[in-house]
N, C-alpha and C. Protein backbone atom coordinates (compact mmCIF):
# COMPACT_ATOMS: atom_id res chain seq x y z
N MET A 1 -16.64 81.58 77.90
CA MET A 1 -17.69 82.10 78.68
C MET A 1 -17.31 83.53 79.15
N THR A 2 -18.22 84.46 79.06
CA THR A 2 -17.99 85.80 79.40
C THR A 2 -18.01 86.03 80.93
N HIS A 3 -17.08 86.69 81.51
CA HIS A 3 -17.05 86.95 82.92
C HIS A 3 -17.49 88.34 83.19
N THR A 4 -18.64 88.47 83.81
CA THR A 4 -19.11 89.81 84.28
C THR A 4 -19.26 89.85 85.79
N GLY A 5 -19.22 88.77 86.41
CA GLY A 5 -19.37 88.73 87.85
C GLY A 5 -20.85 88.59 88.21
N LEU A 6 -21.76 88.68 87.21
CA LEU A 6 -23.24 88.66 87.53
C LEU A 6 -23.92 87.53 86.83
N LEU A 7 -24.87 87.00 87.32
CA LEU A 7 -25.55 85.78 86.88
C LEU A 7 -26.20 86.18 85.49
N PRO A 8 -25.99 85.32 84.54
CA PRO A 8 -26.64 85.44 83.22
C PRO A 8 -28.18 85.31 83.35
N GLN A 9 -28.88 86.01 82.46
CA GLN A 9 -30.31 86.07 82.55
C GLN A 9 -30.98 84.71 82.41
N GLU A 10 -30.44 83.87 81.55
CA GLU A 10 -30.99 82.58 81.37
C GLU A 10 -30.96 81.68 82.60
N TRP A 11 -29.89 81.93 83.43
CA TRP A 11 -29.85 81.21 84.68
C TRP A 11 -30.93 81.77 85.65
N LEU A 12 -31.22 83.01 85.60
CA LEU A 12 -32.23 83.61 86.43
C LEU A 12 -33.64 83.02 86.13
N MET A 13 -33.87 82.81 84.88
CA MET A 13 -35.14 82.24 84.43
C MET A 13 -35.24 80.76 84.91
N ASP A 14 -34.11 79.96 84.82
CA ASP A 14 -34.14 78.67 85.30
C ASP A 14 -34.27 78.51 86.81
N TYR A 15 -33.73 79.53 87.59
CA TYR A 15 -33.86 79.60 88.95
C TYR A 15 -35.38 79.90 89.32
N ALA A 16 -35.92 80.89 88.59
CA ALA A 16 -37.39 81.21 88.80
C ALA A 16 -38.34 80.08 88.57
N ALA A 17 -37.94 79.20 87.57
CA ALA A 17 -38.69 78.05 87.19
C ALA A 17 -38.50 76.90 88.09
N GLY A 18 -37.46 76.94 89.09
CA GLY A 18 -37.29 75.88 89.94
C GLY A 18 -36.62 74.68 89.25
N SER A 19 -35.80 74.86 88.27
CA SER A 19 -35.25 73.76 87.49
C SER A 19 -33.80 73.50 87.85
N LEU A 20 -33.19 74.25 88.81
CA LEU A 20 -31.78 74.13 89.15
C LEU A 20 -31.62 73.05 90.27
N ASN A 21 -30.47 72.35 90.29
CA ASN A 21 -30.28 71.45 91.34
C ASN A 21 -29.94 72.26 92.65
N GLU A 22 -29.78 71.50 93.75
CA GLU A 22 -29.55 72.12 95.11
C GLU A 22 -28.22 73.06 95.02
N ALA A 23 -27.15 72.59 94.48
CA ALA A 23 -25.91 73.26 94.49
C ALA A 23 -26.10 74.58 93.73
N HIS A 24 -26.54 74.43 92.50
CA HIS A 24 -26.75 75.61 91.58
C HIS A 24 -27.74 76.63 92.25
N ALA A 25 -28.85 76.12 92.77
CA ALA A 25 -29.84 76.94 93.30
C ALA A 25 -29.37 77.68 94.62
N MET A 26 -28.52 77.08 95.42
CA MET A 26 -27.98 77.72 96.57
C MET A 26 -27.09 78.82 96.18
N VAL A 27 -26.17 78.65 95.17
CA VAL A 27 -25.22 79.60 94.76
C VAL A 27 -26.04 80.76 94.25
N VAL A 28 -27.03 80.62 93.39
CA VAL A 28 -27.76 81.61 92.80
C VAL A 28 -28.52 82.43 93.86
N ALA A 29 -29.16 81.70 94.77
CA ALA A 29 -29.94 82.37 95.88
C ALA A 29 -29.00 83.29 96.72
N CYS A 30 -27.77 82.79 96.98
CA CYS A 30 -26.85 83.67 97.74
C CYS A 30 -26.37 84.84 96.96
N HIS A 31 -26.14 84.59 95.66
CA HIS A 31 -25.66 85.69 94.79
C HIS A 31 -26.64 86.77 94.67
N LEU A 32 -27.89 86.44 94.69
CA LEU A 32 -29.00 87.43 94.54
C LEU A 32 -29.14 88.35 95.78
N GLN A 33 -28.60 87.83 96.84
CA GLN A 33 -28.67 88.66 98.12
C GLN A 33 -27.91 89.91 97.94
N TYR A 34 -26.86 89.95 97.16
CA TYR A 34 -25.94 91.08 96.95
C TYR A 34 -26.40 92.04 95.95
N HIS A 35 -27.41 91.72 95.14
CA HIS A 35 -27.79 92.60 93.97
C HIS A 35 -29.23 92.82 93.84
N LYS A 36 -29.67 94.07 94.27
CA LYS A 36 -31.08 94.44 94.18
C LYS A 36 -31.62 94.34 92.69
N ASN A 37 -30.80 94.71 91.79
CA ASN A 37 -31.21 94.65 90.42
C ASN A 37 -31.60 93.31 89.95
N LEU A 38 -30.80 92.27 90.45
CA LEU A 38 -31.11 90.89 90.05
C LEU A 38 -32.34 90.42 90.81
N GLN A 39 -32.51 90.90 91.96
CA GLN A 39 -33.78 90.53 92.72
C GLN A 39 -34.99 91.11 91.97
N ASP A 40 -34.89 92.31 91.43
CA ASP A 40 -35.98 92.84 90.67
C ASP A 40 -36.18 92.03 89.37
N ASP A 41 -35.11 91.60 88.78
CA ASP A 41 -35.24 90.78 87.52
C ASP A 41 -35.88 89.47 87.85
N LEU A 42 -35.58 88.90 89.07
CA LEU A 42 -36.22 87.65 89.41
C LEU A 42 -37.70 87.82 89.68
N ARG A 43 -38.08 88.94 90.27
CA ARG A 43 -39.51 89.21 90.45
C ARG A 43 -40.26 89.25 89.04
N ALA A 44 -39.58 89.89 88.13
CA ALA A 44 -40.17 89.95 86.76
C ALA A 44 -40.23 88.60 86.08
N ALA A 45 -39.19 87.76 86.33
CA ALA A 45 -39.23 86.47 85.73
C ALA A 45 -40.36 85.53 86.43
N GLU A 46 -40.50 85.71 87.65
CA GLU A 46 -41.55 84.99 88.41
C GLU A 46 -42.96 85.52 87.93
N ASP A 47 -43.09 86.76 87.68
CA ASP A 47 -44.41 87.35 87.28
C ASP A 47 -44.69 86.76 85.77
N LEU A 48 -43.62 86.75 85.01
CA LEU A 48 -43.84 86.22 83.67
C LEU A 48 -44.21 84.73 83.68
N GLY A 49 -43.57 83.97 84.52
CA GLY A 49 -43.92 82.59 84.68
C GLY A 49 -45.37 82.37 85.10
N GLY A 50 -45.85 83.36 86.05
CA GLY A 50 -47.24 83.24 86.48
C GLY A 50 -48.15 83.60 85.38
N ASP A 51 -47.86 84.58 84.58
CA ASP A 51 -48.68 84.96 83.48
C ASP A 51 -48.83 83.87 82.46
N LEU A 52 -47.72 83.13 82.21
CA LEU A 52 -47.72 81.99 81.25
C LEU A 52 -48.58 80.88 81.76
N LEU A 53 -48.54 80.61 83.11
CA LEU A 53 -49.38 79.56 83.73
C LEU A 53 -50.84 79.91 83.53
N MET A 54 -51.14 81.17 83.77
CA MET A 54 -52.56 81.64 83.78
C MET A 54 -53.11 81.55 82.32
N SER A 55 -52.26 81.77 81.36
CA SER A 55 -52.72 81.74 79.97
C SER A 55 -52.87 80.35 79.42
N ASN A 56 -52.26 79.25 80.03
CA ASN A 56 -52.40 77.97 79.58
C ASN A 56 -53.81 77.42 79.83
N GLN A 57 -54.23 76.58 78.89
CA GLN A 57 -55.49 75.92 79.08
C GLN A 57 -55.38 74.82 80.09
N PRO A 58 -56.30 74.74 81.08
CA PRO A 58 -56.22 73.73 82.15
C PRO A 58 -56.26 72.26 81.53
N GLU A 59 -55.51 71.38 82.09
CA GLU A 59 -55.54 69.99 81.68
C GLU A 59 -56.10 69.14 82.82
N LYS A 60 -56.75 68.09 82.41
CA LYS A 60 -57.27 67.11 83.41
C LYS A 60 -56.09 66.43 84.15
N MET A 61 -56.24 66.44 85.49
CA MET A 61 -55.13 65.80 86.36
C MET A 61 -55.35 64.30 86.39
N ALA A 62 -54.34 63.59 86.61
CA ALA A 62 -54.38 62.12 86.79
C ALA A 62 -55.03 61.81 88.12
N ALA A 63 -55.70 60.67 88.15
CA ALA A 63 -56.55 60.37 89.31
C ALA A 63 -55.58 60.25 90.53
N ASP A 64 -54.34 59.83 90.36
CA ASP A 64 -53.50 59.70 91.52
C ASP A 64 -52.59 60.88 91.86
N SER A 65 -52.88 62.05 91.24
CA SER A 65 -52.01 63.26 91.48
C SER A 65 -51.94 63.67 92.83
N LEU A 66 -53.17 63.75 93.50
CA LEU A 66 -53.08 64.17 94.88
C LEU A 66 -52.30 63.18 95.83
N ASP A 67 -52.44 61.92 95.60
CA ASP A 67 -51.79 60.91 96.32
C ASP A 67 -50.21 61.09 96.20
N LYS A 68 -49.76 61.40 94.94
CA LYS A 68 -48.37 61.57 94.67
C LYS A 68 -47.84 62.86 95.45
N VAL A 69 -48.56 63.88 95.43
CA VAL A 69 -48.20 65.11 96.11
C VAL A 69 -48.02 64.85 97.65
N LEU A 70 -49.01 64.16 98.15
CA LEU A 70 -49.04 63.91 99.60
C LEU A 70 -47.89 62.93 99.98
N SER A 71 -47.59 61.97 99.08
CA SER A 71 -46.42 61.14 99.45
C SER A 71 -45.13 61.84 99.48
N ARG A 72 -44.98 62.82 98.51
CA ARG A 72 -43.76 63.62 98.42
C ARG A 72 -43.57 64.47 99.68
N LEU A 73 -44.67 64.94 100.15
CA LEU A 73 -44.68 65.76 101.37
C LEU A 73 -44.22 64.93 102.60
N ASP A 74 -44.88 63.69 102.60
CA ASP A 74 -44.46 62.75 103.72
C ASP A 74 -43.02 62.35 103.65
N ALA A 75 -42.44 62.39 102.46
CA ALA A 75 -41.09 61.90 102.37
C ALA A 75 -40.11 62.97 102.74
N GLY A 76 -40.64 64.17 103.02
CA GLY A 76 -39.75 65.27 103.45
C GLY A 76 -38.89 65.87 102.42
N GLU A 77 -39.32 65.89 101.12
CA GLU A 77 -38.49 66.53 100.09
C GLU A 77 -38.19 67.86 100.37
N ALA A 78 -36.99 68.34 99.95
CA ALA A 78 -36.49 69.72 100.14
C ALA A 78 -37.41 70.73 99.53
N GLU A 79 -37.67 71.82 100.27
CA GLU A 79 -38.49 72.88 99.69
C GLU A 79 -37.55 73.77 98.86
N PRO A 80 -38.15 74.52 97.88
CA PRO A 80 -37.40 75.39 97.14
C PRO A 80 -36.62 76.46 97.97
N ILE A 81 -35.49 76.82 97.53
CA ILE A 81 -34.72 77.91 98.22
C ILE A 81 -35.31 79.26 97.94
N GLU A 82 -35.73 79.98 98.97
CA GLU A 82 -36.33 81.22 98.75
C GLU A 82 -35.21 82.37 98.89
N VAL A 83 -35.41 83.40 98.13
CA VAL A 83 -34.47 84.55 98.19
C VAL A 83 -34.99 85.53 99.28
N GLN A 84 -34.15 85.76 100.28
CA GLN A 84 -34.59 86.81 101.26
C GLN A 84 -34.15 88.22 100.67
N ARG A 85 -35.04 89.11 100.58
CA ARG A 85 -34.73 90.41 99.91
C ARG A 85 -34.01 91.27 100.90
N SER A 86 -32.67 91.11 100.86
CA SER A 86 -31.88 91.89 101.81
C SER A 86 -30.54 92.31 101.12
N THR A 87 -29.83 93.12 101.75
CA THR A 87 -28.47 93.56 101.29
C THR A 87 -27.42 92.95 102.20
N PRO A 88 -26.16 92.91 101.88
CA PRO A 88 -25.12 92.44 102.69
C PRO A 88 -25.12 93.09 104.14
N SER A 89 -25.32 94.30 104.24
CA SER A 89 -25.39 94.96 105.52
C SER A 89 -26.46 94.55 106.40
N GLU A 90 -27.61 93.93 105.76
CA GLU A 90 -28.76 93.52 106.57
C GLU A 90 -28.66 92.01 106.94
N MET A 91 -27.66 91.32 106.43
CA MET A 91 -27.55 89.90 106.69
C MET A 91 -27.29 89.65 108.15
N PRO A 92 -28.23 88.76 108.77
CA PRO A 92 -28.12 88.49 110.19
C PRO A 92 -26.90 87.79 110.70
N THR A 93 -26.10 87.12 109.76
CA THR A 93 -24.85 86.48 110.13
C THR A 93 -23.92 86.92 108.99
N ASP A 94 -22.66 86.27 109.04
CA ASP A 94 -21.60 86.65 108.07
C ASP A 94 -21.73 85.86 106.74
N VAL A 95 -22.89 85.21 106.56
CA VAL A 95 -23.18 84.51 105.28
C VAL A 95 -24.54 84.98 104.83
N PRO A 96 -24.76 84.91 103.46
CA PRO A 96 -26.12 85.21 103.02
C PRO A 96 -27.29 84.28 103.65
N ALA A 97 -28.37 84.84 103.78
CA ALA A 97 -29.47 84.18 104.51
C ALA A 97 -29.70 82.70 103.99
N PRO A 98 -29.75 82.44 102.71
CA PRO A 98 -30.03 81.05 102.20
C PRO A 98 -29.00 80.06 102.70
N LEU A 99 -27.77 80.53 102.85
CA LEU A 99 -26.75 79.53 103.27
C LEU A 99 -26.92 79.19 104.75
N GLN A 100 -27.69 79.84 105.50
CA GLN A 100 -27.99 79.42 106.93
C GLN A 100 -28.63 78.10 106.97
N LYS A 101 -29.20 77.61 105.81
CA LYS A 101 -29.62 76.28 105.82
C LYS A 101 -28.61 75.28 106.26
N TYR A 102 -27.31 75.58 105.89
CA TYR A 102 -26.27 74.72 106.24
C TYR A 102 -25.38 75.28 107.40
N LEU A 103 -25.40 76.60 107.61
CA LEU A 103 -24.58 77.24 108.48
C LEU A 103 -25.48 78.19 109.36
N LYS A 104 -26.13 77.61 110.31
CA LYS A 104 -27.16 78.46 111.07
C LYS A 104 -26.51 79.65 111.76
N ASN A 105 -25.24 79.44 112.31
CA ASN A 105 -24.49 80.50 112.99
C ASN A 105 -23.41 81.13 112.16
N GLY A 106 -23.53 81.01 110.86
CA GLY A 106 -22.56 81.58 109.90
C GLY A 106 -21.31 80.82 109.80
N LEU A 107 -20.22 81.55 109.49
CA LEU A 107 -18.88 80.84 109.27
C LEU A 107 -18.34 80.25 110.54
N SER A 108 -18.87 80.59 111.65
CA SER A 108 -18.33 79.98 112.90
C SER A 108 -18.76 78.52 113.00
N ASP A 109 -19.73 78.13 112.15
CA ASP A 109 -20.13 76.68 112.21
C ASP A 109 -19.27 75.83 111.30
N CYS A 110 -18.37 76.41 110.54
CA CYS A 110 -17.58 75.71 109.61
C CYS A 110 -16.61 74.80 110.30
N LYS A 111 -16.55 73.59 109.74
CA LYS A 111 -15.48 72.56 110.20
C LYS A 111 -14.55 72.27 109.03
N TRP A 112 -13.57 73.09 108.89
CA TRP A 112 -12.59 73.08 107.81
C TRP A 112 -11.72 71.90 107.73
N ARG A 113 -11.57 71.34 106.52
CA ARG A 113 -10.60 70.24 106.35
C ARG A 113 -9.49 70.78 105.45
N ILE A 114 -8.29 70.19 105.64
CA ILE A 114 -7.15 70.65 104.78
C ILE A 114 -7.37 70.20 103.33
N MET A 115 -7.10 71.16 102.45
CA MET A 115 -7.34 70.86 100.98
C MET A 115 -5.96 70.86 100.31
N GLY A 116 -5.06 71.75 100.84
CA GLY A 116 -3.69 71.90 100.23
C GLY A 116 -3.08 73.09 100.93
N PRO A 117 -1.78 73.45 100.50
CA PRO A 117 -1.18 74.64 101.16
C PRO A 117 -1.96 75.86 101.17
N GLY A 118 -2.25 76.45 102.32
CA GLY A 118 -3.08 77.61 102.36
C GLY A 118 -4.60 77.51 102.06
N MET A 119 -5.00 76.27 101.95
CA MET A 119 -6.47 76.05 101.49
C MET A 119 -7.10 75.10 102.49
N ARG A 120 -8.38 75.42 102.71
CA ARG A 120 -9.29 74.59 103.57
C ARG A 120 -10.63 74.42 102.74
N GLN A 121 -11.36 73.35 103.05
CA GLN A 121 -12.64 73.23 102.39
C GLN A 121 -13.63 72.60 103.36
N MET A 122 -14.89 72.77 103.08
CA MET A 122 -15.93 72.16 103.80
C MET A 122 -17.09 71.82 102.84
N LYS A 123 -17.43 70.51 102.71
CA LYS A 123 -18.50 70.06 101.87
C LYS A 123 -19.86 70.34 102.59
N LEU A 124 -20.83 70.80 101.74
CA LEU A 124 -22.13 71.14 102.26
C LEU A 124 -23.19 70.15 101.66
N TRP A 125 -23.04 69.73 100.39
CA TRP A 125 -23.98 68.89 99.81
C TRP A 125 -23.35 68.18 98.63
N SER A 126 -23.80 66.98 98.37
CA SER A 126 -23.38 66.29 97.13
C SER A 126 -24.44 65.58 96.49
N GLY A 127 -24.48 65.52 95.17
CA GLY A 127 -25.57 64.89 94.41
C GLY A 127 -25.28 63.56 93.83
N GLU A 128 -26.17 62.91 93.25
CA GLU A 128 -25.95 61.55 92.78
C GLU A 128 -25.15 61.52 91.49
N LYS A 129 -24.99 62.64 90.86
CA LYS A 129 -24.26 62.57 89.58
C LYS A 129 -22.88 63.29 89.76
N GLY A 130 -22.44 63.37 90.93
CA GLY A 130 -21.08 64.00 91.14
C GLY A 130 -21.15 65.49 91.46
N GLU A 131 -22.33 66.11 91.59
CA GLU A 131 -22.45 67.51 91.86
C GLU A 131 -22.05 67.69 93.26
N CYS A 132 -21.45 68.88 93.59
CA CYS A 132 -21.07 69.17 94.93
C CYS A 132 -21.19 70.59 95.21
N LEU A 133 -21.60 70.85 96.43
CA LEU A 133 -21.65 72.32 96.97
C LEU A 133 -20.65 72.37 98.12
N TRP A 134 -19.81 73.29 98.11
CA TRP A 134 -18.81 73.38 99.13
C TRP A 134 -18.22 74.74 99.33
N LEU A 135 -17.55 74.90 100.53
CA LEU A 135 -16.95 76.19 100.86
C LEU A 135 -15.39 76.10 100.70
N LEU A 136 -14.75 77.02 100.12
CA LEU A 136 -13.34 77.11 100.05
C LEU A 136 -12.81 78.24 100.89
N LYS A 137 -11.86 78.07 101.65
CA LYS A 137 -11.17 79.11 102.44
C LYS A 137 -9.71 79.05 102.04
N ALA A 138 -9.17 80.23 101.58
CA ALA A 138 -7.76 80.37 101.11
C ALA A 138 -7.11 81.57 101.67
N LYS A 139 -5.82 81.41 102.15
CA LYS A 139 -5.08 82.53 102.65
C LYS A 139 -4.69 83.46 101.55
N GLY A 140 -4.54 84.79 101.97
CA GLY A 140 -4.15 85.82 101.00
C GLY A 140 -2.78 85.40 100.34
N GLY A 141 -2.73 85.63 99.04
CA GLY A 141 -1.58 85.30 98.25
C GLY A 141 -1.49 83.84 97.78
N THR A 142 -2.44 83.03 98.14
CA THR A 142 -2.46 81.62 97.75
C THR A 142 -2.79 81.47 96.22
N GLN A 143 -2.08 80.66 95.47
CA GLN A 143 -2.34 80.39 94.10
C GLN A 143 -3.05 79.03 94.06
N ILE A 144 -4.35 79.06 93.63
CA ILE A 144 -5.00 77.83 93.47
C ILE A 144 -4.37 76.92 92.41
N PRO A 145 -4.18 75.56 92.62
CA PRO A 145 -3.63 74.77 91.61
C PRO A 145 -4.35 74.95 90.29
N VAL A 146 -3.51 74.89 89.18
CA VAL A 146 -4.00 74.96 87.83
C VAL A 146 -4.83 73.79 87.54
N HIS A 147 -6.02 73.98 87.02
CA HIS A 147 -6.96 72.91 86.77
C HIS A 147 -7.85 73.20 85.61
N ASP A 148 -8.44 72.08 85.05
CA ASP A 148 -9.50 72.18 84.02
C ASP A 148 -10.76 71.73 84.58
N HIS A 149 -11.86 71.74 83.80
CA HIS A 149 -13.17 71.39 84.31
C HIS A 149 -13.87 70.29 83.47
N LYS A 150 -14.50 69.42 84.16
CA LYS A 150 -15.25 68.34 83.47
C LYS A 150 -16.81 68.84 83.36
N GLY A 151 -17.01 69.90 84.04
CA GLY A 151 -18.42 70.44 84.03
C GLY A 151 -18.33 71.93 84.56
N LEU A 152 -19.49 72.54 84.77
CA LEU A 152 -19.52 73.88 85.21
C LEU A 152 -19.05 74.03 86.64
N GLU A 153 -18.28 75.05 86.92
CA GLU A 153 -17.87 75.46 88.26
C GLU A 153 -18.36 76.89 88.51
N MET A 154 -19.27 77.07 89.53
CA MET A 154 -19.80 78.37 90.01
C MET A 154 -19.13 78.75 91.29
N THR A 155 -18.45 79.90 91.32
CA THR A 155 -17.78 80.35 92.55
C THR A 155 -18.28 81.76 92.96
N LEU A 156 -18.94 81.79 94.11
CA LEU A 156 -19.38 83.03 94.64
C LEU A 156 -18.49 83.54 95.79
N ILE A 157 -17.94 84.71 95.75
CA ILE A 157 -17.12 85.23 96.72
C ILE A 157 -17.95 85.73 98.01
N LEU A 158 -17.61 85.22 99.10
CA LEU A 158 -18.36 85.64 100.34
C LEU A 158 -17.51 86.60 101.13
N LYS A 159 -16.14 86.37 101.12
CA LYS A 159 -15.24 87.25 101.90
C LYS A 159 -13.94 87.31 101.14
N GLY A 160 -13.25 88.44 101.23
CA GLY A 160 -11.95 88.57 100.58
C GLY A 160 -12.14 88.74 99.04
N SER A 161 -11.15 88.41 98.28
CA SER A 161 -11.17 88.57 96.88
C SER A 161 -10.12 87.79 96.20
N TYR A 162 -10.25 87.52 94.91
CA TYR A 162 -9.19 86.86 94.10
C TYR A 162 -9.29 87.39 92.60
N HIS A 163 -8.27 87.09 91.85
CA HIS A 163 -8.27 87.51 90.43
C HIS A 163 -7.85 86.30 89.61
N VAL A 164 -8.33 86.28 88.40
CA VAL A 164 -7.96 85.28 87.44
C VAL A 164 -7.67 86.11 86.08
N GLY A 165 -6.31 86.18 85.91
CA GLY A 165 -5.91 87.07 84.80
C GLY A 165 -6.28 88.51 85.11
N ASP A 166 -6.98 89.10 84.17
CA ASP A 166 -7.47 90.58 84.37
C ASP A 166 -8.73 90.60 85.07
N GLU A 167 -9.41 89.55 85.28
CA GLU A 167 -10.75 89.48 85.98
C GLU A 167 -10.60 89.52 87.48
N HIS A 168 -11.32 90.41 88.22
CA HIS A 168 -11.18 90.50 89.62
C HIS A 168 -12.56 90.29 90.30
N TYR A 169 -12.59 89.39 91.25
CA TYR A 169 -13.77 89.04 91.92
C TYR A 169 -13.79 89.40 93.38
N THR A 170 -14.85 90.08 93.84
CA THR A 170 -14.95 90.60 95.23
C THR A 170 -16.30 90.13 95.71
N PRO A 171 -16.58 90.29 97.08
CA PRO A 171 -17.84 89.81 97.68
C PRO A 171 -19.04 90.03 96.83
N GLY A 172 -19.80 88.99 96.65
CA GLY A 172 -21.07 89.19 95.77
C GLY A 172 -20.94 88.84 94.34
N LEU A 173 -19.69 88.81 93.82
CA LEU A 173 -19.47 88.55 92.45
C LEU A 173 -19.36 87.02 92.25
N LEU A 174 -19.70 86.59 91.08
CA LEU A 174 -19.80 85.21 90.70
C LEU A 174 -18.96 84.91 89.47
N GLU A 175 -18.09 83.88 89.68
CA GLU A 175 -17.28 83.48 88.51
C GLU A 175 -17.85 82.09 88.06
N MET A 176 -17.95 81.98 86.69
CA MET A 176 -18.48 80.77 86.16
C MET A 176 -17.42 80.16 85.15
N ALA A 177 -16.92 79.03 85.35
CA ALA A 177 -15.95 78.38 84.47
C ALA A 177 -16.34 77.03 84.15
N ASP A 178 -16.23 76.72 82.82
CA ASP A 178 -16.73 75.36 82.27
C ASP A 178 -15.58 74.66 81.57
N GLN A 179 -16.02 73.69 80.73
CA GLN A 179 -15.03 72.83 79.98
C GLN A 179 -14.21 73.63 78.99
N ASP A 180 -14.69 74.82 78.58
CA ASP A 180 -13.99 75.69 77.58
C ASP A 180 -12.96 76.55 78.27
N HIS A 181 -12.96 76.53 79.65
CA HIS A 181 -12.05 77.35 80.39
C HIS A 181 -10.87 76.53 80.88
N HIS A 182 -9.77 76.70 80.17
CA HIS A 182 -8.53 75.81 80.34
C HIS A 182 -7.57 76.48 81.24
N SER A 183 -6.77 75.65 81.99
CA SER A 183 -5.72 76.14 82.84
C SER A 183 -6.18 77.27 83.76
N HIS A 184 -7.37 76.91 84.48
CA HIS A 184 -7.94 77.86 85.34
C HIS A 184 -7.13 77.99 86.60
N GLN A 185 -6.74 79.23 87.05
CA GLN A 185 -5.96 79.36 88.29
C GLN A 185 -6.29 80.61 88.94
N PRO A 186 -7.30 80.64 89.85
CA PRO A 186 -7.54 81.93 90.65
C PRO A 186 -6.32 82.12 91.58
N VAL A 187 -6.01 83.41 91.75
CA VAL A 187 -4.99 83.76 92.76
C VAL A 187 -5.58 84.69 93.80
N ILE A 188 -5.55 84.30 95.04
CA ILE A 188 -6.07 84.95 96.16
C ILE A 188 -5.29 86.29 96.34
N ASP A 189 -6.10 87.42 96.46
CA ASP A 189 -5.41 88.66 96.72
C ASP A 189 -4.75 88.69 98.08
N GLU A 190 -3.70 89.39 98.18
CA GLU A 190 -2.93 89.59 99.41
C GLU A 190 -3.87 90.13 100.47
N GLY A 191 -3.60 89.81 101.71
CA GLY A 191 -4.40 90.36 102.85
C GLY A 191 -5.24 89.37 103.45
N GLU A 192 -6.53 89.65 103.61
CA GLU A 192 -7.44 88.70 104.38
C GLU A 192 -7.70 87.37 103.63
N ASP A 193 -8.23 86.41 104.40
CA ASP A 193 -8.50 85.18 103.83
C ASP A 193 -9.66 85.41 102.84
N CYS A 194 -9.75 84.56 101.83
CA CYS A 194 -10.87 84.56 100.89
C CYS A 194 -11.76 83.36 101.19
N ILE A 195 -13.03 83.51 101.28
CA ILE A 195 -13.93 82.45 101.47
C ILE A 195 -15.00 82.46 100.38
N CYS A 196 -15.19 81.32 99.71
CA CYS A 196 -16.05 81.30 98.50
C CYS A 196 -16.99 80.08 98.69
N LEU A 197 -18.24 80.29 98.11
CA LEU A 197 -19.22 79.25 98.01
C LEU A 197 -19.05 78.65 96.56
N VAL A 198 -18.89 77.39 96.52
CA VAL A 198 -18.53 76.80 95.15
C VAL A 198 -19.51 75.63 94.88
N ALA A 199 -19.94 75.61 93.60
CA ALA A 199 -20.81 74.55 93.07
C ALA A 199 -20.07 73.93 91.89
N THR A 200 -19.80 72.61 92.02
CA THR A 200 -19.15 71.97 90.85
C THR A 200 -20.06 70.80 90.35
N GLU A 201 -20.05 70.58 89.07
CA GLU A 201 -20.82 69.51 88.43
C GLU A 201 -20.05 68.17 88.36
N ALA A 202 -18.77 68.29 88.59
CA ALA A 202 -17.89 67.06 88.46
C ALA A 202 -16.51 67.41 89.17
N PRO A 203 -15.74 66.47 89.58
CA PRO A 203 -14.41 66.76 90.05
C PRO A 203 -13.52 67.50 89.08
N ILE A 204 -12.70 68.42 89.53
CA ILE A 204 -11.88 69.18 88.70
C ILE A 204 -10.71 68.30 88.24
N LYS A 205 -10.01 68.79 87.18
CA LYS A 205 -8.86 67.97 86.63
C LYS A 205 -7.62 68.82 86.96
N ILE A 206 -6.93 68.45 87.96
CA ILE A 206 -5.71 69.19 88.41
C ILE A 206 -4.48 68.81 87.50
N HIS A 207 -3.71 69.82 87.13
CA HIS A 207 -2.60 69.61 86.30
C HIS A 207 -1.43 68.95 86.95
N SER A 208 -1.15 69.30 88.16
CA SER A 208 0.13 68.85 88.83
C SER A 208 -0.09 67.39 89.30
N LEU A 209 1.08 66.63 89.27
CA LEU A 209 0.98 65.22 89.72
C LEU A 209 0.69 65.14 91.24
N VAL A 210 1.25 65.98 92.00
CA VAL A 210 0.97 65.95 93.48
C VAL A 210 -0.47 66.21 93.76
N GLY A 211 -1.06 67.20 92.98
CA GLY A 211 -2.43 67.55 93.16
C GLY A 211 -3.37 66.40 92.76
N ARG A 212 -3.01 65.67 91.72
CA ARG A 212 -3.73 64.57 91.27
C ARG A 212 -3.71 63.39 92.37
N MET A 213 -2.57 63.25 92.93
CA MET A 213 -2.40 62.19 93.99
C MET A 213 -3.18 62.51 95.22
N LEU A 214 -3.25 63.82 95.59
CA LEU A 214 -4.01 64.16 96.77
C LEU A 214 -5.48 64.31 96.54
N GLN A 215 -5.95 64.40 95.31
CA GLN A 215 -7.35 64.68 94.98
C GLN A 215 -8.38 63.67 95.57
N PRO A 216 -7.90 62.33 95.52
CA PRO A 216 -8.90 61.37 96.18
C PRO A 216 -9.15 61.60 97.65
N LEU A 217 -8.12 62.24 98.36
CA LEU A 217 -8.30 62.42 99.74
C LEU A 217 -9.22 63.69 99.95
N ILE A 218 -9.11 64.56 99.02
CA ILE A 218 -9.84 65.80 99.11
C ILE A 218 -11.39 65.49 98.72
N GLY A 219 -11.61 64.69 97.71
CA GLY A 219 -12.90 64.35 97.32
C GLY A 219 -13.58 65.41 96.46
N LEU A 220 -12.76 66.26 95.81
CA LEU A 220 -13.36 67.35 94.93
C LEU A 220 -12.76 67.26 93.56
């Protein structure tokens, strides 16, 4: 997988179509906050989707369509995550606007749990198929345990920075690592703490024996 730090266009189309799960959609929405060019691309994708809908021939709706929609509203299903057109300097708190769904007062709302030496985590959401949205906080100089992936891992830098080999990630940049990315080990840059928003599709596979023993307690 190519690492550019920016969301691939196919993911932008899926986001515009509303086909991403909660974890992926939240990471994408927050990532877009940092990049006006991607916000412009999103508008273009939304316009394209609208044009395609307008060009389709109308189909007869099922007799119970309205009842189904009303029942979904009554059930309180989550609304799509909307992108607030802003830049980091305009963010009302120290987190991107979409993340205030979970952290109304920003990072001060975080209730960190120990994850390992120099690392803390906070779960925000989990899905029925093992998907998880969570925050990682790591001290400068920390080496994340070497691990592999059973599914896609999306990591958005909110504060601080880290590097993986020659790739360097700073606030607003997005790393995407999947099953083809072996022996993954981000290293936190020296200095301030690094805080990341992470979406995983399945628990990671930690290489070390100690890490594997502790993993059930961490739950990631």
